[in-house]
PDB file of N, CA and C in Angstrom:
ATOM      1  N   THR A   1     165.009 128.294 107.294  1.00  0.00           N
ATOM      2  CA  THR A   1     163.624 128.760 107.515  1.00  0.00           C
ATOM      3  C   THR A   1     162.755 128.133 106.529  1.00  0.00           C
ATOM      4  N   HIS A   2     163.136 128.065 105.253  1.00  0.00           N
ATOM      5  CA  HIS A   2     162.361 127.450 104.168  1.00  0.00           C
ATOM      6  C   HIS A   2     162.067 126.020 104.434  1.00  0.00           C
ATOM      7  N   ILE A   3     163.141 125.288 104.867  1.00  0.00           N
ATOM      8  CA  ILE A   3     163.064 123.838 105.144  1.00  0.00           C
ATOM      9  C   ILE A   3     162.025 123.668 106.362  1.00  0.00           C
ATOM     10  N   ALA A   4     162.211 124.539 107.388  1.00  0.00           N
ATOM     11  CA  ALA A   4     161.357 124.480 108.563  1.00  0.00           C
ATOM     12  C   ALA A   4     159.901 124.714 108.154  1.00  0.00           C
ATOM     13  N   MET A   5     159.655 125.658 107.218  1.00  0.00           N
ATOM     14  CA  MET A   5     158.284 125.941 106.834  1.00  0.00           C
ATOM     15  C   MET A   5     157.692 124.752 105.994  1.00  0.00           C
ATOM     16  N   VAL A   6     158.519 124.254 105.077  1.00  0.00           N
ATOM     17  CA  VAL A   6     158.067 123.100 104.228  1.00  0.00           C
ATOM     18  C   VAL A   6     157.733 121.907 105.147  1.00  0.00           C
ATOM     19  N   THR A   7     158.587 121.695 106.133  1.00  0.00           N
ATOM     20  CA  THR A   7     158.420 120.557 107.075  1.00  0.00           C
ATOM     21  C   THR A   7     157.164 120.749 107.878  1.00  0.00           C
ATOM     22  N   TYR A   8     156.960 122.011 108.312  1.00  0.00           N
ATOM     23  CA  TYR A   8     155.729 122.372 109.097  1.00  0.00           C
ATOM     24  C   TYR A   8     154.480 122.136 108.248  1.00  0.00           C
ATOM     25  N   ILE A   9     154.469 122.639 106.980  1.00  0.00           N
ATOM     26  CA  ILE A   9     153.313 122.493 106.108  1.00  0.00           C
ATOM     27  C   ILE A   9     153.043 121.020 105.844  1.00  0.00           C
ATOM     28  N   ALA A  10     154.152 120.242 105.597  1.00  0.00           N
ATOM     29  CA  ALA A  10     154.027 118.793 105.332  1.00  0.00           C
ATOM     30  C   ALA A  10     153.420 118.099 106.565  1.00  0.00           C
ATOM     31  N   ARG A  11     153.891 118.482 107.734  1.00  0.00           N
ATOM     32  CA  ARG A  11     153.398 117.870 108.968  1.00  0.00           C
ATOM     33  C   ARG A  11     151.943 118.222 109.218  1.00  0.00           C
ATOM     34  N   ALA A  12     151.562 119.474 108.964  1.00  0.00           N
ATOM     35  CA  ALA A  12     150.185 119.965 109.130  1.00  0.00           C
ATOM     36  C   ALA A  12     149.287 119.265 108.177  1.00  0.00           C
ATOM     37  N   THR A  13     149.770 119.130 106.892  1.00  0.00           N
ATOM     38  CA  THR A  13     149.020 118.410 105.825  1.00  0.00           C
ATOM     39  C   THR A  13     148.774 116.965 106.281  1.00  0.00           C
ATOM     40  N   TYR A  14     149.826 116.311 106.770  1.00  0.00           N
ATOM     41  CA  TYR A  14     149.736 114.864 107.153  1.00  0.00           C
ATOM     42  C   TYR A  14     148.750 114.741 108.285  1.00  0.00           C
ATOM     43  N   ILE A  15     148.789 115.613 109.295  1.00  0.00           N
ATOM     44  CA  ILE A  15     147.928 115.555 110.428  1.00  0.00           C
ATOM     45  C   ILE A  15     146.430 115.761 109.977  1.00  0.00           C
ATOM     46  N   ALA A  16     146.246 116.751 109.070  1.00  0.00           N
ATOM     47  CA  ALA A  16     144.932 117.048 108.535  1.00  0.00           C
ATOM     48  C   ALA A  16     144.388 115.847 107.782  1.00  0.00           C
ATOM     49  N   MET A  17     145.246 115.189 106.933  1.00  0.00           N
ATOM     50  CA  MET A  17     144.825 114.033 106.239  1.00  0.00           C
ATOM     51  C   MET A  17     144.506 112.796 107.139  1.00  0.00           C
ATOM     52  N   ALA A  18     145.375 112.600 108.089  1.00  0.00           N
ATOM     53  CA  ALA A  18     145.141 111.554 109.077  1.00  0.00           C
ATOM     54  C   ALA A  18     143.861 111.761 109.845  1.00  0.00           C
ATOM     55  N   THR A  19     143.641 112.976 110.229  1.00  0.00           N
ATOM     56  CA  THR A  19     142.409 113.330 111.001  1.00  0.00           C
ATOM     57  C   THR A  19     141.163 113.105 110.062  1.00  0.00           C
ATOM     58  N   TYR A  20     141.283 113.519 108.788  1.00  0.00           N
ATOM     59  CA  TYR A  20     140.150 113.309 107.817  1.00  0.00           C
ATOM     60  C   TYR A  20     139.874 111.877 107.645  1.00  0.00           C
ATOM     61  N   ILE A  21     140.974 111.000 107.452  1.00  0.00           N
ATOM     62  CA  ILE A  21     140.790 109.593 107.247  1.00  0.00           C
ATOM     63  C   ILE A  21     140.160 108.944 108.518  1.00  0.00           C
ATOM     64  N   ALA A  22     140.658 109.363 109.666  1.00  0.00           N
ATOM     65  CA  ALA A  22     140.080 108.871 110.951  1.00  0.00           C
ATOM     66  C   ALA A  22     138.637 109.162 111.057  1.00  0.00           C
ATOM     67  N   MET A  23     138.277 110.366 110.765  1.00  0.00           N
ATOM     68  CA  MET A  23     136.850 110.830 110.808  1.00  0.00           C
ATOM     69  C   MET A  23     135.986 110.049 109.836  1.00  0.00           C
ATOM     70  N   ALA A  24     136.465 109.975 108.574  1.00  0.00           N
ATOM     71  CA  ALA A  24     135.803 109.265 107.517  1.00  0.00           C
ATOM     72  C   ALA A  24     135.559 107.772 107.959  1.00  0.00           C
ATOM     73  N   THR A  25     136.577 107.109 108.515  1.00  0.00           N
ATOM     74  CA  THR A  25     136.517 105.769 108.962  1.00  0.00           C
ATOM     75  C   THR A  25     135.495 105.617 110.072  1.00  0.00           C
ATOM     76  N   TYR A  26     135.501 106.607 110.996  1.00  0.00           N
ATOM     77  CA  TYR A  26     134.584 106.594 112.164  1.00  0.00           C
ATOM     78  C   TYR A  26     133.139 106.729 111.619  1.00  0.00           C
ATOM     79  N   ILE A  27     132.920 107.653 110.680  1.00  0.00           N
ATOM     80  CA  ILE A  27     131.581 107.864 110.113  1.00  0.00           C
ATOM     81  C   ILE A  27     131.086 106.616 109.410  1.00  0.00           C
ATOM     82  N   ALA A  28     132.039 105.992 108.573  1.00  0.00           N
ATOM     83  CA  ALA A  28     131.660 104.768 107.823  1.00  0.00           C
ATOM     84  C   ALA A  28     131.303 103.660 108.790  1.00  0.00           C
ATOM     85  N   MET A  29     132.073 103.500 109.906  1.00  0.00           N
ATOM     86  CA  MET A  29     131.769 102.469 110.919  1.00  0.00           C
ATOM     87  C   MET A  29     130.454 102.741 111.581  1.00  0.00           C
ATOM     88  N   ALA A  30     130.221 103.996 111.988  1.00  0.00           N
ATOM     89  CA  ALA A  30     128.964 104.364 112.734  1.00  0.00           C
ATOM     90  C   ALA A  30     127.826 104.075 111.758  1.00  0.00           C
ATOM     91  N   THR A  31     127.933 104.431 110.460  1.00  0.00           N
ATOM     92  CA  THR A  31     126.904 104.187 109.491  1.00  0.00           C
ATOM     93  C   THR A  31     126.621 102.654 109.381  1.00  0.00           C
ATOM     94  N   TYR A  32     127.724 101.869 109.236  1.00  0.00           N
ATOM     95  CA  TYR A  32     127.597 100.440 109.177  1.00  0.00           C
ATOM     96  C   TYR A  32     126.825  99.860 110.339  1.00  0.00           C
ATOM     97  N   ILE A  33     127.268 100.291 111.578  1.00  0.00           N
ATOM     98  CA  ILE A  33     126.659  99.756 112.807  1.00  0.00           C
ATOM     99  C   ILE A  33     125.192 100.176 112.861  1.00  0.00           C
ATOM    100  N   ALA A  34     124.882 101.444 112.469  1.00  0.00           N
ATOM    101  CA  ALA A  34     123.475 101.858 112.439  1.00  0.00           C
ATOM    102  C   ALA A  34     122.633 101.043 111.456  1.00  0.00           C
ATOM    103  N   MET A  35     123.192 100.765 110.305  1.00  0.00           N
ATOM    104  CA  MET A  35     122.506  99.906 109.276  1.00  0.00           C
ATOM    105  C   MET A  35     122.282  98.505 109.775  1.00  0.00           C
ATOM    106  N   ALA A  36     123.375  97.956 110.329  1.00  0.00           N
ATOM    107  CA  ALA A  36     123.323  96.563 110.847  1.00  0.00           C
ATOM    108  C   ALA A  36     122.243  96.488 112.013  1.00  0.00           C
ATOM    109  N   THR A  37     122.227  97.488 112.852  1.00  0.00           N
ATOM    110  CA  THR A  37     121.288  97.501 113.948  1.00  0.00           C
ATOM    111  C   THR A  37     119.859  97.647 113.374  1.00  0.00           C
ATOM    112  N   HIS A  38     119.710  98.458 112.394  1.00  0.00           N
ATOM    113  CA  HIS A  38     118.372  98.653 111.773  1.00  0.00           C
ATOM    114  C   HIS A  38     117.893  97.358 111.080  1.00  0.00           C
ATOM    115  N   ILE A  39     118.796  96.700 110.370  1.00  0.00           N
ATOM    116  CA  ILE A  39     118.455  95.432 109.727  1.00  0.00           C
ATOM    117  C   ILE A  39     118.137  94.364 110.772  1.00  0.00           C
ATOM    118  N   ALA A  40     118.898  94.272 111.804  1.00  0.00           N
ATOM    119  CA  ALA A  40     118.656  93.308 112.881  1.00  0.00           C
ATOM    120  C   ALA A  40     117.296  93.570 113.540  1.00  0.00           C
ATOM    121  N   MET A  41     117.010  94.843 113.799  1.00  0.00           N
ATOM    122  CA  MET A  41     115.706  95.179 114.442  1.00  0.00           C
ATOM    123  C   MET A  41     114.548  94.843 113.468  1.00  0.00           C
ATOM    124  N   ALA A  42     114.699  95.220 112.165  1.00  0.00           N
ATOM    125  CA  ALA A  42     113.649  94.917 111.163  1.00  0.00           C
ATOM    126  C   ALA A  42     113.433  93.396 111.114  1.00  0.00           C
ATOM    127  N   THR A  43     114.529  92.657 111.083  1.00  0.00           N
ATOM    128  CA  THR A  43     114.404  91.174 110.987  1.00  0.00           C
ATOM    129  C   THR A  43     113.724  90.640 112.240  1.00  0.00           C
ATOM    130  N   TYR A  44     114.069  91.145 113.417  1.00  0.00           N
ATOM    131  CA  TYR A  44     113.482  90.762 114.695  1.00  0.00           C
ATOM    132  C   TYR A  44     111.974  91.047 114.706  1.00  0.00           C
ATOM    133  N   ILE A  45     111.590  92.280 114.215  1.00  0.00           N
ATOM    134  CA  ILE A  45     110.210  92.671 114.168  1.00  0.00           C
ATOM    135  C   ILE A  45     109.439  91.707 113.228  1.00  0.00           C
ATOM    136  N   ALA A  46     110.040  91.491 112.049  1.00  0.00           N
ATOM    137  CA  ALA A  46     109.400  90.612 111.039  1.00  0.00           C
ATOM    138  C   ALA A  46     109.218  89.241 111.617  1.00  0.00           C
ATOM    139  N   MET A  47     110.245  88.684 112.263  1.00  0.00           N
ATOM    140  CA  MET A  47     110.126  87.313 112.882  1.00  0.00           C
ATOM    141  C   MET A  47     109.052  87.289 114.021  1.00  0.00           C
ATOM    142  N   ALA A  48     109.060  88.339 114.824  1.00  0.00           N
ATOM    143  CA  ALA A  48     108.099  88.401 115.940  1.00  0.00           C
ATOM    144  C   ALA A  48     106.633  88.494 115.375  1.00  0.00           C
ATOM    145  N   THR A  49     106.483  89.281 114.330  1.00  0.00           N
ATOM    146  CA  THR A  49     105.144  89.435 113.654  1.00  0.00           C
ATOM    147  C   THR A  49     104.737  88.083 113.109  1.00  0.00           C
ATOM    148  N   TYR A  50     105.678  87.404 112.432  1.00  0.00           N
ATOM    149  CA  TYR A  50     105.413  86.051 111.791  1.00  0.00           C
ATOM    150  C   TYR A  50     105.032  85.093 112.874  1.00  0.00           C
ATOM    151  N   ILE A  51     105.739  84.977 113.988  1.00  0.00           N
ATOM    152  CA  ILE A  51     105.494  84.066 115.056  1.00  0.00           C
ATOM    153  C   ILE A  51     104.074  84.401 115.664  1.00  0.00           C
ATOM    154  N   ALA A  52     103.772  85.703 115.905  1.00  0.00           N
ATOM    155  CA  ALA A  52     102.518  86.114 116.435  1.00  0.00           C
ATOM    156  C   ALA A  52     101.362  85.691 115.498  1.00  0.00           C
ATOM    157  N   MET A  53     101.539  85.913 114.236  1.00  0.00           N
ATOM    158  CA  MET A  53     100.506  85.565 113.211  1.00  0.00           C
ATOM    159  C   MET A  53     100.327  84.055 113.142  1.00  0.00           C
ATOM    160  N   ALA A  54     101.453  83.290 113.176  1.00  0.00           N
ATOM    161  CA  ALA A  54     101.386  81.829 113.150  1.00  0.00           C
ATOM    162  C   ALA A  54     100.635  81.300 114.383  1.00  0.00           C
ATOM    163  N   THR A  55     100.966  81.884 115.548  1.00  0.00           N
ATOM    164  CA  THR A  55     100.312  81.552 116.811  1.00  0.00           C
ATOM    165  C   THR A  55      98.826  81.801 116.680  1.00  0.00           C
ATOM    166  N   TYR A  56      98.498  83.011 116.198  1.00  0.00           N
ATOM    167  CA  TYR A  56      97.096  83.422 116.072  1.00  0.00           C
ATOM    168  C   TYR A  56      96.315  82.441 115.163  1.00  0.00           C
ATOM    169  N   ILE A  57      96.914  82.100 114.003  1.00  0.00           N
ATOM    170  CA  ILE A  57      96.266  81.181 113.076  1.00  0.00           C
ATOM    171  C   ILE A  57      96.125  79.793 113.703  1.00  0.00           C
ATOM    172  N   ALA A  58      97.165  79.346 114.428  1.00  0.00           N
ATOM    173  CA  ALA A  58      97.081  78.074 115.075  1.00  0.00           C
ATOM    174  C   ALA A  58      95.949  78.043 116.129  1.00  0.00           C
ATOM    175  N   ILE A  59      95.813  79.102 116.901  1.00  0.00           N
ATOM    176  CA  ILE A  59      94.747  79.170 117.913  1.00  0.00           C
ATOM    177  C   ILE A  59      93.378  79.143 117.223  1.00  0.00           C
ATOM    178  N   ILE A  60      93.240  79.999 116.171  1.00  0.00           N
ATOM    179  CA  ILE A  60      91.924  80.095 115.476  1.00  0.00           C
ATOM    180  C   ILE A  60      91.607  78.717 114.889  1.00  0.00           C
ATOM    181  N   THR A  61      92.618  78.089 114.260  1.00  0.00           N
ATOM    182  CA  THR A  61      92.409  76.743 113.676  1.00  0.00           C
ATOM    183  C   THR A  61      91.974  75.731 114.743  1.00  0.00           C
ATOM    184  N   TYR A  62      92.658  75.804 115.857  1.00  0.00           N
ATOM    185  CA  TYR A  62      92.387  74.885 116.986  1.00  0.00           C
ATOM    186  C   TYR A  62      90.933  75.078 117.433  1.00  0.00           C
ATOM    187  N   ILE A  63      90.538  76.370 117.649  1.00  0.00           N
ATOM    188  CA  ILE A  63      89.160  76.695 118.105  1.00  0.00           C
ATOM    189  C   ILE A  63      88.159  76.198 117.081  1.00  0.00           C
ATOM    190  N   ALA A  64      88.429  76.475 115.767  1.00  0.00           N
ATOM    191  CA  ALA A  64      87.559  76.046 114.691  1.00  0.00           C
ATOM    192  C   ALA A  64      87.398  74.549 114.674  1.00  0.00           C
ATOM    193  N   MET A  65      88.504  73.850 114.821  1.00  0.00           N
ATOM    194  CA  MET A  65      88.516  72.392 114.871  1.00  0.00           C
ATOM    195  C   MET A  65      87.721  71.827 116.024  1.00  0.00           C
ATOM    196  N   ALA A  66      87.955  72.397 117.202  1.00  0.00           N
ATOM    197  CA  ALA A  66      87.280  72.018 118.503  1.00  0.00           C
ATOM    198  C   ALA A  66      85.785  72.267 118.292  1.00  0.00           C
ATOM    199  N   THR A  67      85.411  73.458 117.764  1.00  0.00           N
ATOM    200  CA  THR A  67      84.020  73.759 117.524  1.00  0.00           C
ATOM    201  C   THR A  67      83.363  72.784 116.582  1.00  0.00           C
ATOM    202  N   TYR A  68      84.121  72.452 115.476  1.00  0.00           N
ATOM    203  CA  TYR A  68      83.650  71.540 114.481  1.00  0.00           C
ATOM    204  C   TYR A  68      83.351  70.157 115.095  1.00  0.00           C
ATOM    205  N   ILE A  69      84.351  69.671 115.875  1.00  0.00           N
ATOM    206  CA  ILE A  69      84.230  68.360 116.533  1.00  0.00           C
ATOM    207  C   ILE A  69      83.044  68.331 117.479  1.00  0.00           C
ATOM    208  N   ALA A  70      82.941  69.409 118.264  1.00  0.00           N
ATOM    209  CA  ALA A  70      81.821  69.489 119.226  1.00  0.00           C
ATOM    210  C   ALA A  70      80.436  69.488 118.496  1.00  0.00           C
ATOM    211  N   MET A  71      80.386  70.271 117.447  1.00  0.00           N
ATOM    212  CA  MET A  71      79.126  70.313 116.668  1.00  0.00           C
ATOM    213  C   MET A  71      78.791  68.945 116.061  1.00  0.00           C
ATOM    214  N   ALA A  72      79.840  68.293 115.406  1.00  0.00           N
ATOM    215  CA  ALA A  72      79.673  66.992 114.807  1.00  0.00           C
ATOM    216  C   ALA A  72      79.215  65.967 115.840  1.00  0.00           C
ATOM    217  N   THR A  73      79.808  65.971 117.003  1.00  0.00           N
ATOM    218  CA  THR A  73      79.465  65.094 118.112  1.00  0.00           C
ATOM    219  C   THR A  73      77.972  65.330 118.520  1.00  0.00           C
ATOM    220  N   TYR A  74      77.661  66.628 118.660  1.00  0.00           N
ATOM    221  CA  TYR A  74      76.271  66.983 119.074  1.00  0.00           C
ATOM    222  C   TYR A  74      75.244  66.509 118.029  1.00  0.00           C
ATOM    223  N   ILE A  75      75.546  66.775 116.725  1.00  0.00           N
ATOM    224  CA  ILE A  75      74.632  66.412 115.656  1.00  0.00           C
ATOM    225  C   ILE A  75      74.529  64.875 115.602  1.00  0.00           C
ATOM    226  N   THR A  76      75.618  64.149 115.782  1.00  0.00           N
ATOM    227  CA  THR A  76      75.612  62.701 115.774  1.00  0.00           C
ATOM    228  C   THR A  76      74.709  62.173 116.929  1.00  0.00           C
ATOM    229  N   ARG A  77      74.915  62.723 118.097  1.00  0.00           N
ATOM    230  CA  ARG A  77      74.169  62.338 119.282  1.00  0.00           C
ATOM    231  C   ARG A  77      72.655  62.595 119.120  1.00  0.00           C
ATOM    232  N   VAL A  78      72.348  63.827 118.645  1.00  0.00           N
ATOM    233  CA  VAL A  78      70.939  64.210 118.382  1.00  0.00           C
ATOM    234  C   VAL A  78      70.263  63.291 117.375  1.00  0.00           C
ATOM    235  N   THR A  79      71.035  63.012 116.285  1.00  0.00           N
ATOM    236  CA  THR A  79      70.545  62.128 115.196  1.00  0.00           C
ATOM    237  C   THR A  79      70.304  60.736 115.746  1.00  0.00           C
ATOM    238  N   HIS A  80      71.246  60.240 116.533  1.00  0.00           N
ATOM    239  CA  HIS A  80      71.150  58.939 117.129  1.00  0.00           C
ATOM    240  C   HIS A  80      69.933  58.787 118.057  1.00  0.00           C
ATOM    241  N   ILE A  81      69.795  59.817 118.866  1.00  0.00           N
ATOM    242  CA  ILE A  81      68.630  59.837 119.812  1.00  0.00           C
ATOM    243  C   ILE A  81      67.328  59.872 119.082  1.00  0.00           C
ATOM    244  N   ALA A  82      67.253  60.733 118.016  1.00  0.00           N
ATOM    245  CA  ALA A  82      66.058  60.840 117.182  1.00  0.00           C
ATOM    246  C   ALA A  82      65.717  59.518 116.513  1.00  0.00           C
ATOM    247  N   MET A  83      66.755  58.891 115.956  1.00  0.00           N
ATOM    248  CA  MET A  83      66.582  57.578 115.219  1.00  0.00           C
ATOM    249  C   MET A  83      66.122  56.553 116.240  1.00  0.00           C
ATOM    250  N   ALA A  84      66.766  56.471 117.397  1.00  0.00           N
ATOM    251  CA  ALA A  84      66.419  55.486 118.409  1.00  0.00           C
ATOM    252  C   ALA A  84      64.941  55.685 118.896  1.00  0.00           C
ATOM    253  N   THR A  85      64.568  56.904 119.044  1.00  0.00           N
ATOM    254  CA  THR A  85      63.170  57.270 119.425  1.00  0.00           C
ATOM    255  C   THR A  85      62.212  56.821 118.355  1.00  0.00           C
ATOM    256  N   TYR A  86      62.575  57.131 117.082  1.00  0.00           N
ATOM    257  CA  TYR A  86      61.722  56.778 115.960  1.00  0.00           C
ATOM    258  C   TYR A  86      61.589  55.268 115.843  1.00  0.00           C
ATOM    259  N   ILE A  87      62.719  54.539 115.986  1.00  0.00           N
ATOM    260  CA  ILE A  87      62.647  53.077 115.878  1.00  0.00           C
ATOM    261  C   ILE A  87      61.755  52.516 117.059  1.00  0.00           C
ATOM    262  N   ALA A  88      61.929  53.035 118.268  1.00  0.00           N
ATOM    263  CA  ALA A  88      61.197  52.596 119.401  1.00  0.00           C
ATOM    264  C   ALA A  88      59.678  52.874 119.156  1.00  0.00           C
ATOM    265  N   ARG A  89      59.351  54.032 118.616  1.00  0.00           N
ATOM    266  CA  ARG A  89      57.944  54.354 118.397  1.00  0.00           C
ATOM    267  C   ARG A  89      57.361  53.451 117.347  1.00  0.00           C
ATOM    268  N   VAL A  90      58.110  53.232 116.241  1.00  0.00           N
ATOM    269  CA  VAL A  90      57.581  52.368 115.098  1.00  0.00           C
ATOM    270  C   VAL A  90      57.397  50.962 115.622  1.00  0.00           C
ATOM    271  N   THR A  91      58.403  50.437 116.387  1.00  0.00           N
ATOM    272  CA  THR A  91      58.312  49.109 116.965  1.00  0.00           C
ATOM    273  C   THR A  91      57.118  48.972 117.852  1.00  0.00           C
ATOM    274  N   TYR A  92      56.956  49.959 118.685  1.00  0.00           N
ATOM    275  CA  TYR A  92      55.811  49.984 119.649  1.00  0.00           C
ATOM    276  C   TYR A  92      54.504  49.945 118.939  1.00  0.00           C
ATOM    277  N   ILE A  93      54.398  50.829 117.886  1.00  0.00           N
ATOM    278  CA  ILE A  93      53.114  50.873 117.087  1.00  0.00           C
ATOM    279  C   ILE A  93      52.857  49.497 116.404  1.00  0.00           C
ATOM    280  N   ALA A  94      53.936  48.961 115.814  1.00  0.00           N
ATOM    281  CA  ALA A  94      53.886  47.664 115.115  1.00  0.00           C
ATOM    282  C   ALA A  94      53.410  46.558 116.101  1.00  0.00           C
ATOM    283  N   MET A  95      53.972  46.557 117.286  1.00  0.00           N
ATOM    284  CA  MET A  95      53.673  45.550 118.274  1.00  0.00           C
ATOM    285  C   MET A  95      52.212  45.733 118.755  1.00  0.00           C
ATOM    286  N   ALA A  96      51.889  46.969 118.988  1.00  0.00           N
ATOM    287  CA  ALA A  96      50.494  47.254 119.478  1.00  0.00           C
ATOM    288  C   ALA A  96      49.455  46.855 118.425  1.00  0.00           C
ATOM    289  N   THR A  97      49.785  47.113 117.189  1.00  0.00           N
ATOM    290  CA  THR A  97      48.920  46.750 116.065  1.00  0.00           C
ATOM    291  C   THR A  97      48.814  45.242 115.966  1.00  0.00           C
ATOM    292  N   TYR A  98      50.010  44.558 116.074  1.00  0.00           N
ATOM    293  CA  TYR A  98      50.059  43.062 116.021  1.00  0.00           C
ATOM    294  C   TYR A  98      49.194  42.445 117.093  1.00  0.00           C
ATOM    295  N   ILE A  99      49.411  42.967 118.328  1.00  0.00           N
ATOM    296  CA  ILE A  99      48.623  42.469 119.495  1.00  0.00           C
ATOM    297  C   ILE A  99      47.152  42.642 119.301  1.00  0.00           C
ATOM    298  N   ALA A 100      46.776  43.870 118.840  1.00  0.00           N
ATOM    299  CA  ALA A 100      45.384  44.226 118.578  1.00  0.00           C
ATOM    300  C   ALA A 100      44.855  43.274 117.478  1.00  0.00           C
TER     301      ALA A 100
END
């Protein structure tokens, strides 16, 4: 009876320990998976935010450059027309004066 009881207690202790180790392992794995998932998501969000910002900056830069080129072209054209008009007027006055 004593041997049977000792065997029973040993068996119960072993099962309890095995159950505890299995549970602890499961919790550790679940925690690891949760952490890995969290890190992966955080990394994904950070990358998505970075790409969105880079795209936004690229678009803004492109618009700014296009606006700058358009303005520079407009100013050049207006200046050119103004100068051509001025030269034409001066030449006309000079010629009119010379003829007179």
